């Protein structure tokens, strides 16, 4: 945004699509959003990712068709705000394990968004994946490292019948998200 200060400060400023996509508000509590896409109705619950928010989630999950689980790939070398001894990616893996294998979600499909792929692609060249996964021996390049992260999440699935639908995403790339929602609409429509 700093490069656009003149535009942003103009009297007649109208936010662009990218301006809106790049704004972020920390989720606290549960935010419910209803929307339609390709003649299908969706109800999306955005739940806070912080540990203190998790106890508020469970009542939202009655009779859901699918869970969209978002992970910021670029946070593999960062720690939680509320616990500086816990790696964010490891915490996401632990939470994914508990949701994926929860008895209430045995028939619930899971769509895994490995998000911020653009930031991850830049960062992986400078910051080794071994910070999060000491056993990783692959190359410090996007394709191999991203596939490794995906495999770590998929390995948490203990069910032989549940599929994890994984997508590498960049939430600010509208074409990428359009593709993902098209896939979700096909999934929900079937």
N, C-alpha and C. Protein backbone atom coordinates (compact mmCIF):
# COMPACT_ATOMS: atom_id res chain seq x y z
N UNK A 1 0.81 -1.20 0.00
CA UNK A 1 0.00 0.00 0.00
C UNK A 1 0.86 1.27 0.00
N UNK A 2 2.08 1.20 0.51
CA UNK A 2 2.90 2.39 0.62
C UNK A 2 3.17 3.04 -0.73
N UNK A 3 3.28 2.26 -1.78
CA UNK A 3 3.49 2.81 -3.12
C UNK A 3 2.25 3.54 -3.63
N UNK A 4 1.12 3.30 -3.02
CA UNK A 4 -0.15 3.87 -3.48
C UNK A 4 -0.72 4.92 -2.53
N UNK A 5 0.11 5.51 -1.68
CA UNK A 5 -0.41 6.45 -0.68
C UNK A 5 -1.14 7.63 -1.31
N UNK A 6 -0.62 8.16 -2.42
CA UNK A 6 -1.31 9.29 -3.06
C UNK A 6 -2.70 8.88 -3.52
N UNK A 7 -2.79 7.72 -4.16
CA UNK A 7 -4.08 7.23 -4.64
C UNK A 7 -5.02 6.95 -3.48
N UNK A 8 -4.47 6.33 -2.42
CA UNK A 8 -5.30 5.97 -1.26
C UNK A 8 -5.79 7.20 -0.50
N UNK A 9 -4.99 8.26 -0.54
CA UNK A 9 -5.34 9.47 0.19
C UNK A 9 -6.19 10.45 -0.60
N UNK A 10 -6.46 10.15 -1.85
CA UNK A 10 -7.25 11.05 -2.69
C UNK A 10 -8.68 11.18 -2.17
N UNK A 11 -9.25 12.38 -2.34
CA UNK A 11 -10.62 12.64 -1.90
C UNK A 11 -11.63 11.68 -2.53
N UNK A 12 -11.43 11.38 -3.80
CA UNK A 12 -12.38 10.53 -4.53
C UNK A 12 -11.95 9.06 -4.56
N UNK A 13 -11.16 8.66 -3.59
CA UNK A 13 -10.63 7.28 -3.55
C UNK A 13 -11.75 6.25 -3.54
N UNK A 14 -11.65 5.29 -4.42
CA UNK A 14 -12.53 4.13 -4.46
C UNK A 14 -11.63 2.90 -4.40
N UNK A 15 -11.82 2.01 -3.43
CA UNK A 15 -10.94 0.84 -3.34
C UNK A 15 -11.06 -0.05 -4.57
N UNK A 16 -9.91 -0.53 -5.04
CA UNK A 16 -9.90 -1.49 -6.13
C UNK A 16 -10.14 -2.89 -5.56
N UNK A 17 -10.35 -3.84 -6.45
CA UNK A 17 -10.51 -5.23 -6.02
C UNK A 17 -9.28 -5.69 -5.22
N UNK A 18 -8.08 -5.32 -5.69
CA UNK A 18 -6.85 -5.70 -4.99
C UNK A 18 -6.75 -5.01 -3.63
N UNK A 19 -7.19 -3.75 -3.52
CA UNK A 19 -7.19 -3.07 -2.22
C UNK A 19 -8.02 -3.86 -1.21
N UNK A 20 -9.19 -4.29 -1.65
CA UNK A 20 -10.09 -5.03 -0.77
C UNK A 20 -9.48 -6.38 -0.40
N UNK A 21 -8.91 -7.06 -1.38
CA UNK A 21 -8.32 -8.37 -1.11
C UNK A 21 -7.14 -8.30 -0.14
N UNK A 22 -6.42 -7.19 -0.16
CA UNK A 22 -5.21 -7.08 0.66
C UNK A 22 -5.48 -6.53 2.06
N UNK A 23 -6.71 -6.14 2.34
CA UNK A 23 -7.03 -5.72 3.71
C UNK A 23 -7.23 -6.97 4.55
N UNK A 24 -6.91 -6.86 5.79
CA UNK A 24 -7.04 -8.02 6.67
C UNK A 24 -7.49 -7.55 8.03
N UNK A 25 -8.43 -8.25 8.57
CA UNK A 25 -8.89 -8.01 9.92
C UNK A 25 -8.74 -9.32 10.68
N UNK A 26 -8.10 -9.25 11.82
CA UNK A 26 -7.90 -10.45 12.63
C UNK A 26 -9.26 -11.01 13.04
N UNK A 27 -9.45 -12.31 12.81
CA UNK A 27 -10.70 -12.96 13.19
C UNK A 27 -10.69 -13.25 14.68
N UNK A 28 -11.71 -12.76 15.35
CA UNK A 28 -11.92 -13.15 16.75
C UNK A 28 -13.36 -13.64 16.83
N UNK A 29 -13.55 -14.71 17.53
CA UNK A 29 -14.88 -15.30 17.58
C UNK A 29 -15.19 -16.01 16.28
N UNK A 30 -16.46 -16.03 15.93
CA UNK A 30 -16.92 -16.74 14.74
C UNK A 30 -17.64 -15.76 13.84
N UNK A 31 -17.25 -15.72 12.58
CA UNK A 31 -17.90 -14.87 11.60
C UNK A 31 -18.58 -15.78 10.59
N UNK A 32 -19.89 -15.61 10.43
CA UNK A 32 -20.66 -16.43 9.49
C UNK A 32 -21.01 -15.59 8.27
N UNK A 33 -20.71 -16.15 7.09
CA UNK A 33 -20.97 -15.47 5.82
C UNK A 33 -21.78 -16.40 4.94
N UNK A 34 -22.86 -15.89 4.36
CA UNK A 34 -23.67 -16.65 3.40
C UNK A 34 -23.42 -16.06 2.02
N UNK A 35 -23.22 -16.94 1.03
CA UNK A 35 -23.08 -16.46 -0.34
C UNK A 35 -23.50 -17.54 -1.32
N UNK A 36 -23.82 -17.10 -2.52
CA UNK A 36 -24.19 -18.02 -3.60
C UNK A 36 -23.11 -17.98 -4.67
N UNK A 37 -22.87 -19.14 -5.26
CA UNK A 37 -21.89 -19.25 -6.33
C UNK A 37 -22.36 -20.37 -7.25
N UNK A 38 -22.53 -20.04 -8.51
CA UNK A 38 -22.98 -21.01 -9.51
C UNK A 38 -24.27 -21.72 -9.06
N UNK A 39 -25.23 -20.94 -8.58
CA UNK A 39 -26.54 -21.44 -8.15
C UNK A 39 -26.48 -22.39 -6.96
N UNK A 40 -25.40 -22.37 -6.23
CA UNK A 40 -25.28 -23.16 -5.00
C UNK A 40 -25.15 -22.19 -3.83
N UNK A 41 -25.80 -22.54 -2.72
CA UNK A 41 -25.72 -21.70 -1.53
C UNK A 41 -24.64 -22.24 -0.60
N UNK A 42 -23.80 -21.31 -0.15
CA UNK A 42 -22.72 -21.66 0.77
C UNK A 42 -22.92 -20.91 2.07
N UNK A 43 -22.53 -21.55 3.14
CA UNK A 43 -22.48 -20.92 4.45
C UNK A 43 -21.05 -21.14 4.94
N UNK A 44 -20.31 -20.05 5.09
CA UNK A 44 -18.91 -20.13 5.47
C UNK A 44 -18.75 -19.60 6.89
N UNK A 45 -18.08 -20.38 7.72
CA UNK A 45 -17.77 -19.95 9.08
C UNK A 45 -16.28 -19.69 9.15
N UNK A 46 -15.91 -18.47 9.48
CA UNK A 46 -14.51 -18.13 9.68
C UNK A 46 -14.29 -18.13 11.18
N UNK A 47 -13.48 -19.06 11.63
CA UNK A 47 -13.24 -19.18 13.07
C UNK A 47 -11.83 -18.71 13.38
N UNK A 48 -11.67 -18.03 14.48
CA UNK A 48 -10.35 -17.55 14.87
C UNK A 48 -9.38 -18.70 15.04
N UNK A 49 -8.17 -18.49 14.57
CA UNK A 49 -7.17 -19.55 14.63
C UNK A 49 -6.45 -19.64 15.96
N UNK A 50 -6.54 -18.61 16.78
CA UNK A 50 -5.84 -18.64 18.05
C UNK A 50 -6.44 -19.70 18.97
N UNK A 51 -5.58 -20.27 19.80
CA UNK A 51 -6.01 -21.34 20.70
C UNK A 51 -7.22 -20.93 21.54
N UNK A 52 -7.22 -19.69 22.00
CA UNK A 52 -8.31 -19.23 22.87
C UNK A 52 -9.65 -19.20 22.15
N UNK A 53 -9.65 -19.16 20.82
CA UNK A 53 -10.88 -19.09 20.05
C UNK A 53 -11.48 -20.47 19.76
N UNK A 54 -10.70 -21.52 19.88
CA UNK A 54 -11.11 -22.84 19.39
C UNK A 54 -12.29 -23.44 20.14
N UNK A 55 -12.44 -23.14 21.39
CA UNK A 55 -13.54 -23.73 22.16
C UNK A 55 -14.90 -23.24 21.66
N UNK A 56 -14.91 -22.15 20.90
CA UNK A 56 -16.15 -21.58 20.39
C UNK A 56 -16.62 -22.22 19.09
N UNK A 57 -15.82 -23.10 18.50
CA UNK A 57 -16.08 -23.61 17.16
C UNK A 57 -17.14 -24.69 17.06
N UNK A 58 -17.12 -25.64 17.95
CA UNK A 58 -17.76 -26.93 17.72
C UNK A 58 -19.23 -26.83 17.34
N UNK A 59 -19.97 -25.87 17.91
CA UNK A 59 -21.40 -25.77 17.59
C UNK A 59 -21.64 -25.34 16.14
N UNK A 60 -20.64 -24.81 15.47
CA UNK A 60 -20.78 -24.41 14.06
C UNK A 60 -20.75 -25.59 13.11
N UNK A 61 -20.25 -26.71 13.56
CA UNK A 61 -19.95 -27.80 12.65
C UNK A 61 -21.04 -28.85 12.51
N UNK A 62 -22.22 -28.61 13.03
CA UNK A 62 -23.29 -29.59 12.88
C UNK A 62 -23.74 -29.64 11.42
N UNK A 63 -23.82 -30.83 10.88
CA UNK A 63 -24.35 -31.06 9.53
C UNK A 63 -23.61 -30.31 8.42
N UNK A 64 -22.30 -30.14 8.54
CA UNK A 64 -21.57 -29.49 7.46
C UNK A 64 -21.21 -30.51 6.38
N UNK A 65 -21.17 -30.05 5.15
CA UNK A 65 -20.82 -30.91 4.02
C UNK A 65 -19.32 -31.04 3.90
N UNK A 66 -18.63 -29.93 4.14
CA UNK A 66 -17.17 -29.92 4.00
C UNK A 66 -16.56 -28.90 4.94
N UNK A 67 -15.33 -29.14 5.29
CA UNK A 67 -14.54 -28.20 6.08
C UNK A 67 -13.43 -27.69 5.18
N UNK A 68 -13.30 -26.37 5.12
CA UNK A 68 -12.15 -25.78 4.43
C UNK A 68 -11.15 -25.42 5.51
N UNK A 69 -9.99 -26.05 5.44
CA UNK A 69 -8.94 -25.83 6.44
C UNK A 69 -7.83 -25.06 5.75
N UNK A 70 -7.54 -23.86 6.24
CA UNK A 70 -6.52 -23.00 5.62
C UNK A 70 -5.25 -22.98 6.46
N UNK A 71 -4.14 -23.14 5.76
CA UNK A 71 -2.82 -23.10 6.39
C UNK A 71 -1.97 -22.10 5.62
N UNK A 72 -1.32 -21.20 6.31
CA UNK A 72 -0.38 -20.28 5.67
C UNK A 72 0.96 -21.01 5.50
N UNK A 73 1.25 -21.43 4.27
CA UNK A 73 2.50 -22.16 4.01
C UNK A 73 3.72 -21.34 4.42
N UNK A 74 3.63 -20.04 4.30
CA UNK A 74 4.77 -19.17 4.56
C UNK A 74 5.11 -19.05 6.05
N UNK A 75 4.29 -19.62 6.92
CA UNK A 75 4.53 -19.49 8.36
C UNK A 75 5.28 -20.68 8.95
N UNK A 76 5.91 -21.49 8.09
CA UNK A 76 6.63 -22.67 8.57
C UNK A 76 7.82 -22.32 9.46
N UNK A 77 8.29 -21.10 9.39
CA UNK A 77 9.45 -20.71 10.20
C UNK A 77 9.07 -19.68 11.27
N UNK A 78 7.79 -19.64 11.64
CA UNK A 78 7.31 -18.68 12.64
C UNK A 78 6.68 -19.41 13.82
N UNK A 79 6.58 -18.69 14.93
CA UNK A 79 5.98 -19.26 16.14
C UNK A 79 4.65 -18.56 16.43
N UNK A 80 3.85 -19.18 17.29
CA UNK A 80 2.56 -18.61 17.68
C UNK A 80 2.76 -17.34 18.49
N UNK A 81 1.81 -16.40 18.34
CA UNK A 81 1.86 -15.19 19.16
C UNK A 81 1.67 -15.52 20.63
N UNK A 82 0.77 -16.48 20.90
CA UNK A 82 0.44 -16.79 22.29
C UNK A 82 1.36 -17.83 22.93
N UNK A 83 2.27 -18.41 22.14
CA UNK A 83 3.21 -19.41 22.67
C UNK A 83 4.45 -19.43 21.78
N UNK A 84 5.45 -18.69 22.17
CA UNK A 84 6.64 -18.53 21.35
C UNK A 84 7.52 -19.77 21.28
N UNK A 85 7.09 -20.86 21.89
CA UNK A 85 7.84 -22.11 21.78
C UNK A 85 7.22 -23.06 20.76
N UNK A 86 6.06 -22.68 20.21
CA UNK A 86 5.35 -23.56 19.29
C UNK A 86 5.38 -23.01 17.87
N UNK A 87 5.87 -23.82 16.95
CA UNK A 87 5.93 -23.48 15.54
C UNK A 87 4.51 -23.44 14.96
N UNK A 88 4.21 -22.44 14.16
CA UNK A 88 2.86 -22.27 13.60
C UNK A 88 2.45 -23.43 12.70
N UNK A 89 3.35 -23.91 11.88
CA UNK A 89 3.01 -25.02 10.98
C UNK A 89 2.76 -26.29 11.79
N UNK A 90 3.56 -26.53 12.82
CA UNK A 90 3.35 -27.71 13.66
C UNK A 90 2.01 -27.61 14.40
N UNK A 91 1.66 -26.41 14.82
CA UNK A 91 0.36 -26.21 15.48
C UNK A 91 -0.78 -26.46 14.49
N UNK A 92 -0.62 -26.02 13.25
CA UNK A 92 -1.64 -26.27 12.23
C UNK A 92 -1.79 -27.76 11.95
N UNK A 93 -0.68 -28.48 11.91
CA UNK A 93 -0.72 -29.94 11.71
C UNK A 93 -1.47 -30.62 12.85
N UNK A 94 -1.20 -30.18 14.06
CA UNK A 94 -1.86 -30.76 15.24
C UNK A 94 -3.38 -30.50 15.20
N UNK A 95 -3.76 -29.28 14.85
CA UNK A 95 -5.18 -28.93 14.76
C UNK A 95 -5.84 -29.69 13.61
N UNK A 96 -5.16 -29.78 12.47
CA UNK A 96 -5.70 -30.52 11.33
C UNK A 96 -5.93 -31.98 11.71
N UNK A 97 -5.00 -32.58 12.41
CA UNK A 97 -5.13 -33.96 12.87
C UNK A 97 -6.38 -34.12 13.73
N UNK A 98 -6.58 -33.19 14.67
CA UNK A 98 -7.73 -33.31 15.58
C UNK A 98 -9.06 -33.12 14.84
N UNK A 99 -9.10 -32.28 13.83
CA UNK A 99 -10.34 -32.08 13.07
C UNK A 99 -10.56 -33.22 12.09
N UNK A 100 -9.53 -33.57 11.35
CA UNK A 100 -9.63 -34.61 10.33
C UNK A 100 -10.08 -35.94 10.92
N UNK A 101 -9.62 -36.25 12.11
CA UNK A 101 -9.89 -37.56 12.71
C UNK A 101 -10.94 -37.51 13.82
N UNK A 102 -11.64 -36.39 13.93
CA UNK A 102 -12.68 -36.24 14.93
C UNK A 102 -13.88 -37.12 14.57
N UNK A 103 -14.44 -37.80 15.57
CA UNK A 103 -15.57 -38.71 15.30
C UNK A 103 -16.78 -38.00 14.71
N UNK A 104 -16.93 -36.71 14.96
CA UNK A 104 -18.08 -35.97 14.42
C UNK A 104 -17.92 -35.67 12.93
N UNK A 105 -16.71 -35.83 12.41
CA UNK A 105 -16.45 -35.46 11.02
C UNK A 105 -16.04 -36.64 10.16
N UNK A 106 -16.47 -37.84 10.54
CA UNK A 106 -16.07 -39.03 9.76
C UNK A 106 -16.61 -38.99 8.34
N UNK A 107 -17.77 -38.37 8.14
CA UNK A 107 -18.36 -38.29 6.80
C UNK A 107 -18.24 -36.90 6.18
N UNK A 108 -17.40 -36.07 6.77
CA UNK A 108 -17.23 -34.70 6.30
C UNK A 108 -15.98 -34.59 5.45
N UNK A 109 -16.15 -34.10 4.24
CA UNK A 109 -14.99 -33.91 3.36
C UNK A 109 -14.15 -32.74 3.86
N UNK A 110 -12.87 -32.81 3.60
CA UNK A 110 -11.97 -31.73 4.00
C UNK A 110 -11.26 -31.19 2.77
N UNK A 111 -11.37 -29.88 2.61
CA UNK A 111 -10.66 -29.17 1.55
C UNK A 111 -9.53 -28.42 2.24
N UNK A 112 -8.31 -28.76 1.89
CA UNK A 112 -7.13 -28.16 2.52
C UNK A 112 -6.57 -27.08 1.60
N UNK A 113 -6.58 -25.85 2.08
CA UNK A 113 -5.97 -24.74 1.34
C UNK A 113 -4.59 -24.50 1.94
N UNK A 114 -3.57 -24.82 1.18
CA UNK A 114 -2.21 -24.44 1.56
C UNK A 114 -2.01 -23.06 0.93
N UNK A 115 -2.24 -22.04 1.72
CA UNK A 115 -2.34 -20.66 1.25
C UNK A 115 -1.00 -19.94 1.33
N UNK A 116 -0.97 -18.77 0.73
CA UNK A 116 0.21 -17.91 0.67
C UNK A 116 1.36 -18.58 -0.07
N UNK A 117 1.01 -19.28 -1.15
CA UNK A 117 2.03 -19.99 -1.92
C UNK A 117 3.03 -19.02 -2.52
N UNK A 118 2.60 -17.81 -2.83
CA UNK A 118 3.51 -16.80 -3.39
C UNK A 118 4.59 -16.41 -2.39
N UNK A 119 4.20 -16.19 -1.14
CA UNK A 119 5.17 -15.84 -0.10
C UNK A 119 6.07 -17.02 0.23
N UNK A 120 5.48 -18.21 0.24
CA UNK A 120 6.26 -19.43 0.50
C UNK A 120 7.32 -19.62 -0.57
N UNK A 121 6.96 -19.40 -1.83
CA UNK A 121 7.90 -19.58 -2.93
C UNK A 121 9.11 -18.66 -2.80
N UNK A 122 8.88 -17.44 -2.34
CA UNK A 122 9.99 -16.50 -2.10
C UNK A 122 10.81 -16.92 -0.88
N UNK A 123 10.13 -17.26 0.19
CA UNK A 123 10.79 -17.51 1.46
C UNK A 123 11.60 -18.80 1.48
N UNK A 124 11.14 -19.84 0.79
CA UNK A 124 11.77 -21.16 0.89
C UNK A 124 13.22 -21.13 0.41
N UNK A 125 13.57 -20.18 -0.45
CA UNK A 125 14.95 -20.07 -0.95
C UNK A 125 15.89 -19.52 0.12
N UNK A 126 15.34 -18.81 1.10
CA UNK A 126 16.16 -18.14 2.11
C UNK A 126 16.09 -18.78 3.49
N UNK A 127 14.95 -19.36 3.80
CA UNK A 127 14.70 -19.90 5.14
C UNK A 127 14.39 -21.39 5.01
N UNK A 128 15.25 -22.26 5.55
CA UNK A 128 15.10 -23.70 5.30
C UNK A 128 13.85 -24.31 5.95
N UNK A 129 13.26 -25.26 5.23
CA UNK A 129 12.09 -25.97 5.72
C UNK A 129 12.42 -26.80 6.96
N UNK A 130 13.70 -27.09 7.16
CA UNK A 130 14.12 -27.87 8.33
C UNK A 130 13.87 -27.13 9.64
N UNK A 131 13.57 -25.85 9.59
CA UNK A 131 13.18 -25.12 10.80
C UNK A 131 11.93 -25.77 11.39
N UNK A 132 11.03 -26.17 10.52
CA UNK A 132 9.78 -26.80 10.95
C UNK A 132 9.87 -28.32 10.90
N UNK A 133 10.52 -28.83 9.88
CA UNK A 133 10.63 -30.27 9.65
C UNK A 133 12.11 -30.67 9.60
N UNK A 134 12.73 -30.92 10.76
CA UNK A 134 14.17 -31.24 10.78
C UNK A 134 14.53 -32.44 9.91
N UNK A 135 13.59 -33.33 9.68
CA UNK A 135 13.85 -34.54 8.91
C UNK A 135 13.81 -34.30 7.40
N UNK A 136 13.41 -33.11 6.98
CA UNK A 136 13.30 -32.81 5.54
C UNK A 136 14.68 -32.79 4.89
N UNK A 137 14.84 -33.55 3.82
CA UNK A 137 16.12 -33.62 3.11
C UNK A 137 16.01 -33.17 1.66
N UNK A 138 14.85 -32.71 1.27
CA UNK A 138 14.65 -32.29 -0.12
C UNK A 138 15.26 -30.93 -0.42
N UNK A 139 15.05 -30.51 -1.64
CA UNK A 139 15.58 -29.23 -2.10
C UNK A 139 14.82 -28.06 -1.47
N UNK A 140 15.51 -26.95 -1.35
CA UNK A 140 14.90 -25.72 -0.83
C UNK A 140 14.28 -24.97 -2.01
N UNK A 141 13.36 -25.62 -2.68
CA UNK A 141 12.65 -25.01 -3.81
C UNK A 141 11.17 -25.30 -3.66
N UNK A 142 10.36 -24.45 -4.29
CA UNK A 142 8.92 -24.45 -4.09
C UNK A 142 8.27 -25.82 -4.30
N UNK A 143 8.45 -26.42 -5.45
CA UNK A 143 7.73 -27.64 -5.80
C UNK A 143 7.94 -28.77 -4.81
N UNK A 144 9.19 -29.07 -4.53
CA UNK A 144 9.50 -30.19 -3.63
C UNK A 144 9.09 -29.89 -2.19
N UNK A 145 9.36 -28.67 -1.74
CA UNK A 145 9.03 -28.30 -0.36
C UNK A 145 7.51 -28.23 -0.16
N UNK A 146 6.78 -27.69 -1.13
CA UNK A 146 5.32 -27.62 -1.03
C UNK A 146 4.71 -29.01 -1.02
N UNK A 147 5.23 -29.90 -1.86
CA UNK A 147 4.73 -31.29 -1.89
C UNK A 147 4.98 -31.98 -0.56
N UNK A 148 6.11 -31.68 0.07
CA UNK A 148 6.43 -32.26 1.37
C UNK A 148 5.42 -31.80 2.44
N UNK A 149 5.13 -30.51 2.44
CA UNK A 149 4.15 -29.98 3.41
C UNK A 149 2.79 -30.63 3.17
N UNK A 150 2.37 -30.72 1.93
CA UNK A 150 1.09 -31.36 1.62
C UNK A 150 1.07 -32.79 2.14
N UNK A 151 2.14 -33.52 1.92
CA UNK A 151 2.22 -34.92 2.37
C UNK A 151 2.13 -35.02 3.89
N UNK A 152 2.69 -34.04 4.61
CA UNK A 152 2.61 -34.05 6.08
C UNK A 152 1.17 -33.93 6.55
N UNK A 153 0.40 -33.08 5.89
CA UNK A 153 -1.01 -32.92 6.26
C UNK A 153 -1.81 -34.16 5.86
N UNK A 154 -1.60 -34.65 4.66
CA UNK A 154 -2.34 -35.83 4.20
C UNK A 154 -2.05 -37.05 5.06
N UNK A 155 -0.85 -37.13 5.61
CA UNK A 155 -0.46 -38.27 6.45
C UNK A 155 -1.23 -38.28 7.78
N UNK A 156 -1.79 -37.15 8.17
CA UNK A 156 -2.57 -37.09 9.42
C UNK A 156 -3.91 -37.80 9.29
N UNK A 157 -4.40 -37.99 8.08
CA UNK A 157 -5.69 -38.63 7.83
C UNK A 157 -5.60 -40.12 8.13
N UNK A 158 -6.30 -40.57 9.18
CA UNK A 158 -6.26 -41.98 9.58
C UNK A 158 -7.35 -42.82 8.92
N UNK A 159 -8.24 -42.17 8.18
CA UNK A 159 -9.35 -42.87 7.54
C UNK A 159 -8.93 -43.37 6.16
N UNK A 160 -9.35 -44.58 5.84
CA UNK A 160 -9.06 -45.11 4.50
C UNK A 160 -10.10 -44.65 3.48
N UNK A 161 -11.21 -44.07 3.96
CA UNK A 161 -12.27 -43.66 3.05
C UNK A 161 -12.37 -42.14 2.87
N UNK A 162 -11.80 -41.37 3.76
CA UNK A 162 -11.89 -39.91 3.68
C UNK A 162 -10.80 -39.38 2.74
N UNK A 163 -11.23 -38.53 1.81
CA UNK A 163 -10.27 -37.89 0.93
C UNK A 163 -10.01 -36.47 1.41
N UNK A 164 -8.76 -36.05 1.26
CA UNK A 164 -8.39 -34.67 1.53
C UNK A 164 -8.19 -34.02 0.16
N UNK A 165 -8.93 -32.97 -0.11
CA UNK A 165 -8.82 -32.25 -1.38
C UNK A 165 -7.91 -31.04 -1.16
N UNK A 166 -6.69 -31.13 -1.64
CA UNK A 166 -5.69 -30.10 -1.35
C UNK A 166 -5.51 -29.15 -2.54
N UNK A 167 -5.41 -27.86 -2.20
CA UNK A 167 -5.16 -26.83 -3.21
C UNK A 167 -4.10 -25.88 -2.69
N UNK A 168 -3.09 -25.60 -3.51
CA UNK A 168 -2.11 -24.56 -3.20
C UNK A 168 -2.75 -23.26 -3.65
N UNK A 169 -2.86 -22.30 -2.74
CA UNK A 169 -3.60 -21.08 -3.06
C UNK A 169 -2.82 -19.82 -2.74
N UNK A 170 -3.26 -18.76 -3.38
CA UNK A 170 -2.83 -17.40 -3.08
C UNK A 170 -4.13 -16.60 -3.03
N UNK A 171 -4.58 -16.28 -1.84
CA UNK A 171 -5.90 -15.68 -1.67
C UNK A 171 -6.06 -14.35 -2.39
N UNK A 172 -4.95 -13.67 -2.70
CA UNK A 172 -5.06 -12.40 -3.41
C UNK A 172 -5.02 -12.57 -4.92
N UNK A 173 -4.88 -13.79 -5.40
CA UNK A 173 -4.89 -14.09 -6.84
C UNK A 173 -6.31 -14.54 -7.20
N UNK A 174 -7.08 -13.64 -7.79
CA UNK A 174 -8.49 -13.94 -8.05
C UNK A 174 -8.67 -15.11 -9.01
N UNK A 175 -7.78 -15.26 -9.98
CA UNK A 175 -7.89 -16.39 -10.91
C UNK A 175 -7.69 -17.72 -10.19
N UNK A 176 -6.72 -17.75 -9.27
CA UNK A 176 -6.45 -18.96 -8.50
C UNK A 176 -7.65 -19.31 -7.63
N UNK A 177 -8.21 -18.35 -6.95
CA UNK A 177 -9.36 -18.60 -6.07
C UNK A 177 -10.59 -18.94 -6.90
N UNK A 178 -10.76 -18.33 -8.06
CA UNK A 178 -11.87 -18.68 -8.95
C UNK A 178 -11.80 -20.16 -9.32
N UNK A 179 -10.61 -20.64 -9.66
CA UNK A 179 -10.41 -22.05 -10.01
C UNK A 179 -10.80 -22.95 -8.84
N UNK A 180 -10.37 -22.58 -7.64
CA UNK A 180 -10.65 -23.39 -6.46
C UNK A 180 -12.15 -23.42 -6.18
N UNK A 181 -12.84 -22.28 -6.29
CA UNK A 181 -14.28 -22.26 -6.05
C UNK A 181 -15.04 -22.99 -7.14
N UNK A 182 -14.55 -22.94 -8.36
CA UNK A 182 -15.17 -23.75 -9.42
C UNK A 182 -15.10 -25.23 -9.04
N UNK A 183 -13.95 -25.66 -8.55
CA UNK A 183 -13.78 -27.06 -8.13
C UNK A 183 -14.71 -27.38 -6.96
N UNK A 184 -14.84 -26.45 -6.01
CA UNK A 184 -15.72 -26.68 -4.86
C UNK A 184 -17.18 -26.76 -5.30
N UNK A 185 -17.56 -25.95 -6.28
CA UNK A 185 -18.94 -25.98 -6.77
C UNK A 185 -19.24 -27.32 -7.44
N UNK A 186 -18.28 -27.83 -8.19
CA UNK A 186 -18.46 -29.15 -8.80
C UNK A 186 -18.60 -30.20 -7.72
N UNK A 187 -17.75 -30.10 -6.69
CA UNK A 187 -17.77 -31.04 -5.56
C UNK A 187 -19.12 -30.98 -4.85
N UNK A 188 -19.57 -29.76 -4.52
CA UNK A 188 -20.81 -29.61 -3.77
C UNK A 188 -22.02 -30.02 -4.60
N UNK A 189 -21.96 -29.78 -5.91
CA UNK A 189 -23.07 -30.12 -6.78
C UNK A 189 -23.22 -31.61 -7.03
N UNK A 190 -22.17 -32.38 -6.78
CA UNK A 190 -22.25 -33.83 -7.05
C UNK A 190 -22.80 -34.62 -5.91
